[in-house]
N, C-alpha and C. Protein backbone atom coordinates (compact mmCIF):
# COMPACT_ATOMS: atom_id res chain seq x y z
N MET A 1 100.00 146.68 64.43
CA MET A 1 98.94 145.79 64.86
C MET A 1 98.62 146.07 66.33
N LEU A 2 97.34 145.93 66.65
CA LEU A 2 96.88 146.19 68.01
C LEU A 2 96.88 144.90 68.83
N ALA A 3 97.62 144.90 69.93
CA ALA A 3 97.60 143.78 70.86
C ALA A 3 96.40 143.94 71.79
N ARG A 4 96.22 143.00 72.69
CA ARG A 4 95.05 143.00 73.57
C ARG A 4 94.89 144.31 74.33
N ARG A 5 95.93 144.75 74.99
CA ARG A 5 95.83 145.97 75.81
C ARG A 5 95.43 147.18 74.97
N SER A 6 96.06 147.33 73.83
CA SER A 6 95.75 148.46 72.95
C SER A 6 94.32 148.38 72.44
N THR A 7 93.87 147.18 72.10
CA THR A 7 92.50 147.00 71.62
C THR A 7 91.49 147.38 72.69
N ILE A 8 91.73 146.95 73.92
CA ILE A 8 90.84 147.28 75.02
C ILE A 8 90.80 148.79 75.23
N ILE A 9 91.96 149.42 75.23
CA ILE A 9 92.03 150.87 75.44
C ILE A 9 91.27 151.62 74.34
N VAL A 10 91.49 151.23 73.09
CA VAL A 10 90.80 151.91 71.98
C VAL A 10 89.29 151.71 72.08
N ALA A 11 88.84 150.51 72.43
CA ALA A 11 87.40 150.24 72.56
C ALA A 11 86.78 151.06 73.68
N VAL A 12 87.43 151.10 74.83
CA VAL A 12 86.89 151.86 75.97
C VAL A 12 86.89 153.36 75.66
N VAL A 13 87.98 153.86 75.10
CA VAL A 13 88.05 155.28 74.75
C VAL A 13 86.98 155.63 73.72
N THR A 14 86.71 154.73 72.80
CA THR A 14 85.65 154.97 71.81
C THR A 14 84.30 155.14 72.50
N GLY A 15 83.98 154.26 73.44
CA GLY A 15 82.71 154.36 74.17
C GLY A 15 82.61 155.64 74.99
N VAL A 16 83.70 155.99 75.68
CA VAL A 16 83.70 157.22 76.48
C VAL A 16 83.57 158.44 75.58
N ALA A 17 84.32 158.46 74.48
CA ALA A 17 84.26 159.59 73.55
C ALA A 17 82.89 159.70 72.90
N LEU A 18 82.27 158.57 72.62
CA LEU A 18 80.92 158.57 72.04
C LEU A 18 79.95 159.28 72.98
N GLU A 19 79.98 158.92 74.24
CA GLU A 19 79.06 159.52 75.22
C GLU A 19 79.37 161.00 75.44
N LEU A 20 80.63 161.30 75.73
CA LEU A 20 81.00 162.69 76.05
C LEU A 20 80.91 163.61 74.83
N GLY A 21 81.29 163.09 73.67
CA GLY A 21 81.25 163.91 72.46
C GLY A 21 79.83 164.27 72.06
N VAL A 22 78.94 163.29 72.06
CA VAL A 22 77.55 163.57 71.68
C VAL A 22 76.90 164.47 72.73
N HIS A 23 77.20 164.22 74.00
CA HIS A 23 76.65 165.07 75.07
C HIS A 23 77.11 166.52 74.88
N ALA A 24 78.40 166.70 74.59
CA ALA A 24 78.94 168.06 74.41
C ALA A 24 78.32 168.75 73.19
N LEU A 25 78.12 168.00 72.11
CA LEU A 25 77.57 168.61 70.90
C LEU A 25 76.06 168.87 70.99
N SER A 26 75.34 167.99 71.68
CA SER A 26 73.88 168.11 71.69
C SER A 26 73.32 168.73 72.97
N GLY A 27 74.07 168.62 74.06
CA GLY A 27 73.57 169.13 75.34
C GLY A 27 72.58 168.19 76.01
N ARG A 28 72.30 167.05 75.40
CA ARG A 28 71.37 166.08 75.99
C ARG A 28 72.03 165.38 77.17
N SER A 29 71.23 165.02 78.17
CA SER A 29 71.80 164.35 79.33
C SER A 29 72.23 162.92 79.01
N GLU A 30 71.56 162.29 78.06
CA GLU A 30 71.95 160.97 77.61
C GLU A 30 72.16 161.03 76.10
N ALA A 31 73.31 160.54 75.67
CA ALA A 31 73.69 160.69 74.26
C ALA A 31 72.64 160.11 73.32
N TRP A 32 72.08 158.96 73.65
CA TRP A 32 71.15 158.31 72.71
C TRP A 32 69.82 159.04 72.56
N ASP A 33 69.62 160.11 73.34
CA ASP A 33 68.44 160.95 73.16
C ASP A 33 68.62 161.97 72.04
N SER A 34 69.82 162.02 71.49
CA SER A 34 70.13 162.99 70.46
C SER A 34 70.19 162.33 69.08
N ALA A 35 69.75 163.05 68.08
CA ALA A 35 69.86 162.56 66.70
C ALA A 35 71.32 162.42 66.28
N ILE A 36 72.20 163.23 66.87
CA ILE A 36 73.63 163.15 66.55
C ILE A 36 74.18 161.76 66.89
N TYR A 37 73.69 161.18 67.95
CA TYR A 37 74.13 159.84 68.37
C TYR A 37 73.86 158.83 67.26
N TRP A 38 72.67 158.87 66.70
CA TRP A 38 72.24 157.89 65.71
C TRP A 38 72.79 158.17 64.32
N THR A 39 72.96 159.44 63.98
CA THR A 39 73.39 159.78 62.62
C THR A 39 74.90 159.93 62.47
N ALA A 40 75.60 160.24 63.55
CA ALA A 40 77.05 160.43 63.47
C ALA A 40 77.80 159.55 64.47
N GLY A 41 77.36 159.56 65.72
CA GLY A 41 78.09 158.85 66.77
C GLY A 41 78.23 157.36 66.52
N LEU A 42 77.11 156.68 66.30
CA LEU A 42 77.16 155.23 66.07
C LEU A 42 77.90 154.87 64.78
N PRO A 43 77.66 155.55 63.66
CA PRO A 43 78.44 155.21 62.47
C PRO A 43 79.95 155.40 62.66
N ILE A 44 80.35 156.43 63.38
CA ILE A 44 81.78 156.64 63.64
C ILE A 44 82.32 155.51 64.51
N ALA A 45 81.57 155.14 65.56
CA ALA A 45 81.99 154.05 66.45
C ALA A 45 82.06 152.72 65.67
N LEU A 46 81.13 152.49 64.76
CA LEU A 46 81.18 151.28 63.94
C LEU A 46 82.40 151.29 63.02
N ALA A 47 82.73 152.45 62.46
CA ALA A 47 83.92 152.56 61.61
C ALA A 47 85.19 152.29 62.42
N ILE A 48 85.22 152.78 63.65
CA ILE A 48 86.36 152.51 64.52
C ILE A 48 86.44 151.01 64.82
N SER A 49 85.29 150.37 64.99
CA SER A 49 85.27 148.92 65.23
C SER A 49 85.84 148.15 64.05
N VAL A 50 85.49 148.57 62.84
CA VAL A 50 86.04 147.94 61.64
C VAL A 50 87.57 148.11 61.63
N ALA A 51 88.03 149.30 61.96
CA ALA A 51 89.48 149.56 62.00
C ALA A 51 90.16 148.71 63.07
N ILE A 52 89.53 148.57 64.23
CA ILE A 52 90.09 147.72 65.28
C ILE A 52 90.22 146.29 64.77
N GLY A 53 89.19 145.81 64.10
CA GLY A 53 89.25 144.47 63.55
C GLY A 53 90.37 144.29 62.55
N ALA A 54 90.56 145.29 61.71
CA ALA A 54 91.60 145.20 60.68
C ALA A 54 93.01 145.31 61.27
N LEU A 55 93.13 146.00 62.39
CA LEU A 55 94.45 146.26 62.96
C LEU A 55 94.81 145.36 64.14
N SER A 56 93.86 144.60 64.63
CA SER A 56 94.13 143.78 65.82
C SER A 56 94.80 142.46 65.43
N VAL A 57 95.45 141.88 66.42
CA VAL A 57 96.09 140.58 66.20
C VAL A 57 95.14 139.47 66.66
N ARG A 58 95.23 138.34 66.01
CA ARG A 58 94.42 137.17 66.33
C ARG A 58 92.96 137.53 66.52
N ARG A 59 92.38 137.18 67.67
CA ARG A 59 90.95 137.42 67.94
C ARG A 59 90.74 138.57 68.93
N GLU A 60 91.68 139.47 69.02
CA GLU A 60 91.57 140.59 69.96
C GLU A 60 90.44 141.55 69.57
N TRP A 61 89.93 141.45 68.35
CA TRP A 61 88.82 142.29 67.90
C TRP A 61 87.57 142.05 68.74
N LEU A 62 87.50 140.92 69.44
CA LEU A 62 86.33 140.62 70.28
C LEU A 62 86.15 141.65 71.40
N TRP A 63 87.22 142.34 71.77
CA TRP A 63 87.13 143.33 72.85
C TRP A 63 86.28 144.55 72.50
N THR A 64 85.85 144.66 71.26
CA THR A 64 85.00 145.80 70.90
C THR A 64 83.63 145.73 71.57
N PHE A 65 83.30 144.59 72.19
CA PHE A 65 82.05 144.53 72.95
C PHE A 65 82.07 145.52 74.10
N LEU A 66 83.23 146.06 74.47
CA LEU A 66 83.35 147.02 75.58
C LEU A 66 82.90 148.44 75.22
N ILE A 67 82.63 148.71 73.96
CA ILE A 67 82.27 150.07 73.56
C ILE A 67 80.99 150.52 74.25
N VAL A 68 79.94 149.73 74.19
CA VAL A 68 78.66 150.14 74.78
C VAL A 68 78.72 150.19 76.31
N PRO A 69 79.27 149.18 77.00
CA PRO A 69 79.36 149.30 78.46
C PRO A 69 80.17 150.51 78.92
N SER A 70 81.23 150.84 78.20
CA SER A 70 82.01 152.02 78.60
C SER A 70 81.24 153.31 78.34
N GLN A 71 80.43 153.32 77.29
CA GLN A 71 79.60 154.50 77.03
C GLN A 71 78.56 154.67 78.13
N VAL A 72 77.88 153.58 78.48
CA VAL A 72 76.82 153.64 79.49
C VAL A 72 77.42 153.95 80.87
N THR A 73 78.57 153.36 81.19
CA THR A 73 79.22 153.66 82.46
C THR A 73 79.59 155.14 82.54
N THR A 74 80.09 155.69 81.44
CA THR A 74 80.41 157.12 81.40
C THR A 74 79.17 157.96 81.64
N MET A 75 78.06 157.59 81.02
CA MET A 75 76.80 158.32 81.21
C MET A 75 76.36 158.26 82.68
N MET A 76 76.45 157.07 83.29
CA MET A 76 76.01 156.93 84.68
C MET A 76 76.89 157.72 85.63
N VAL A 77 78.19 157.68 85.42
CA VAL A 77 79.11 158.43 86.28
C VAL A 77 78.91 159.92 86.10
N ARG A 78 78.78 160.37 84.85
CA ARG A 78 78.60 161.81 84.58
C ARG A 78 77.31 162.33 85.19
N SER A 79 76.25 161.53 85.13
CA SER A 79 74.96 161.98 85.66
C SER A 79 74.83 161.76 87.16
N GLY A 80 75.74 160.96 87.73
CA GLY A 80 75.68 160.69 89.16
C GLY A 80 74.59 159.69 89.53
N GLU A 81 74.09 158.93 88.57
CA GLU A 81 73.02 157.98 88.82
C GLU A 81 73.49 156.56 88.57
N ILE A 82 74.40 156.10 89.42
CA ILE A 82 74.94 154.75 89.26
C ILE A 82 73.88 153.72 89.60
N GLY A 83 73.23 153.84 90.74
CA GLY A 83 72.16 152.92 91.13
C GLY A 83 72.68 151.56 91.54
N THR A 84 71.78 150.73 91.99
CA THR A 84 72.15 149.41 92.49
C THR A 84 72.14 148.34 91.40
N LEU A 85 71.58 148.65 90.25
CA LEU A 85 71.50 147.67 89.18
C LEU A 85 72.63 147.81 88.15
N TRP A 86 73.69 148.53 88.50
CA TRP A 86 74.75 148.76 87.53
C TRP A 86 75.42 147.47 87.04
N PRO A 87 75.59 146.43 87.87
CA PRO A 87 76.18 145.20 87.31
C PRO A 87 75.30 144.60 86.21
N LEU A 88 74.00 144.56 86.43
CA LEU A 88 73.08 144.05 85.42
C LEU A 88 73.11 144.93 84.18
N THR A 89 73.19 146.22 84.37
CA THR A 89 73.27 147.16 83.26
C THR A 89 74.49 146.87 82.40
N LEU A 90 75.62 146.61 83.04
CA LEU A 90 76.84 146.34 82.28
C LEU A 90 76.73 145.04 81.49
N VAL A 91 76.08 144.03 82.06
CA VAL A 91 75.89 142.77 81.34
C VAL A 91 74.99 142.99 80.11
N ILE A 92 73.88 143.68 80.32
CA ILE A 92 72.95 143.92 79.22
C ILE A 92 73.60 144.77 78.13
N THR A 93 74.34 145.79 78.53
CA THR A 93 74.98 146.64 77.53
C THR A 93 76.10 145.90 76.79
N SER A 94 76.70 144.91 77.43
CA SER A 94 77.69 144.10 76.73
C SER A 94 77.03 143.35 75.58
N ILE A 95 75.82 142.88 75.81
CA ILE A 95 75.07 142.20 74.75
C ILE A 95 74.73 143.19 73.64
N LEU A 96 74.39 144.43 74.02
CA LEU A 96 74.09 145.45 73.02
C LEU A 96 75.32 145.86 72.20
N GLY A 97 76.48 145.45 72.66
CA GLY A 97 77.71 145.73 71.93
C GLY A 97 77.94 144.79 70.75
N ALA A 98 77.01 143.86 70.52
CA ALA A 98 77.17 142.88 69.44
C ALA A 98 77.40 143.51 68.06
N PRO A 99 76.71 144.59 67.68
CA PRO A 99 76.98 145.18 66.37
C PRO A 99 78.43 145.64 66.20
N PHE A 100 79.06 146.07 67.28
CA PHE A 100 80.45 146.50 67.21
C PHE A 100 81.38 145.30 67.03
N VAL A 101 81.02 144.19 67.66
CA VAL A 101 81.80 142.96 67.50
C VAL A 101 81.68 142.46 66.06
N VAL A 102 80.47 142.51 65.52
CA VAL A 102 80.26 142.09 64.13
C VAL A 102 81.07 142.99 63.19
N ALA A 103 81.03 144.29 63.43
CA ALA A 103 81.80 145.22 62.59
C ALA A 103 83.29 144.94 62.69
N SER A 104 83.78 144.65 63.87
CA SER A 104 85.21 144.37 64.02
C SER A 104 85.58 143.03 63.39
N PHE A 105 84.66 142.07 63.43
CA PHE A 105 84.89 140.80 62.73
C PHE A 105 85.04 141.05 61.23
N VAL A 106 84.14 141.86 60.68
CA VAL A 106 84.23 142.20 59.26
C VAL A 106 85.58 142.86 58.97
N GLY A 107 85.98 143.77 59.84
CA GLY A 107 87.29 144.41 59.67
C GLY A 107 88.44 143.42 59.73
N SER A 108 88.31 142.40 60.57
CA SER A 108 89.38 141.40 60.69
C SER A 108 89.56 140.60 59.41
N ARG A 109 88.53 140.54 58.57
CA ARG A 109 88.64 139.83 57.30
C ARG A 109 89.51 140.59 56.30
N PHE A 110 89.74 141.88 56.55
CA PHE A 110 90.58 142.70 55.69
C PHE A 110 92.03 142.73 56.14
N ARG A 111 92.31 142.03 57.22
CA ARG A 111 93.66 141.99 57.76
C ARG A 111 94.57 141.20 56.80
N PRO A 112 95.77 141.71 56.53
CA PRO A 112 96.66 140.98 55.64
C PRO A 112 97.09 139.66 56.28
N ASN A 113 97.20 138.63 55.47
CA ASN A 113 97.66 137.32 55.95
C ASN A 113 99.15 137.37 56.23
N PRO A 114 99.58 136.75 57.34
CA PRO A 114 101.03 136.72 57.61
C PRO A 114 101.75 135.83 56.60
N PRO A 115 102.98 136.15 56.31
CA PRO A 115 103.72 135.34 55.34
C PRO A 115 103.94 133.92 55.87
N ARG A 116 103.88 132.95 54.96
CA ARG A 116 104.09 131.56 55.36
C ARG A 116 105.56 131.22 55.26
N ALA A 117 106.00 130.37 56.18
CA ALA A 117 107.42 130.00 56.19
C ALA A 117 107.71 128.85 55.26
């Protein structure tokens, strides 16, 4: 089972890998400009979110909202264009992480129930 720290690490690594992997495969400066992002990257990230939900303890699956902010932060750092609006960008991208939270919630429904005493 994934505790809070492990869940956060897996979510952040998923976002970073999504950005860097699609960039490496497509050569695009921003991952979402590539068809690979939409046809492979996002479905894989959603599948990872479902797995996080199924493997996390209690409500730790909520940390999957970090996937999109970590992806966008990776893109900004890699491109060298952090800018002055990065805090607002992180807030907005956290909201865009909602599909990953929903996917992890669905995954949490597949979690085995603990034995009753």
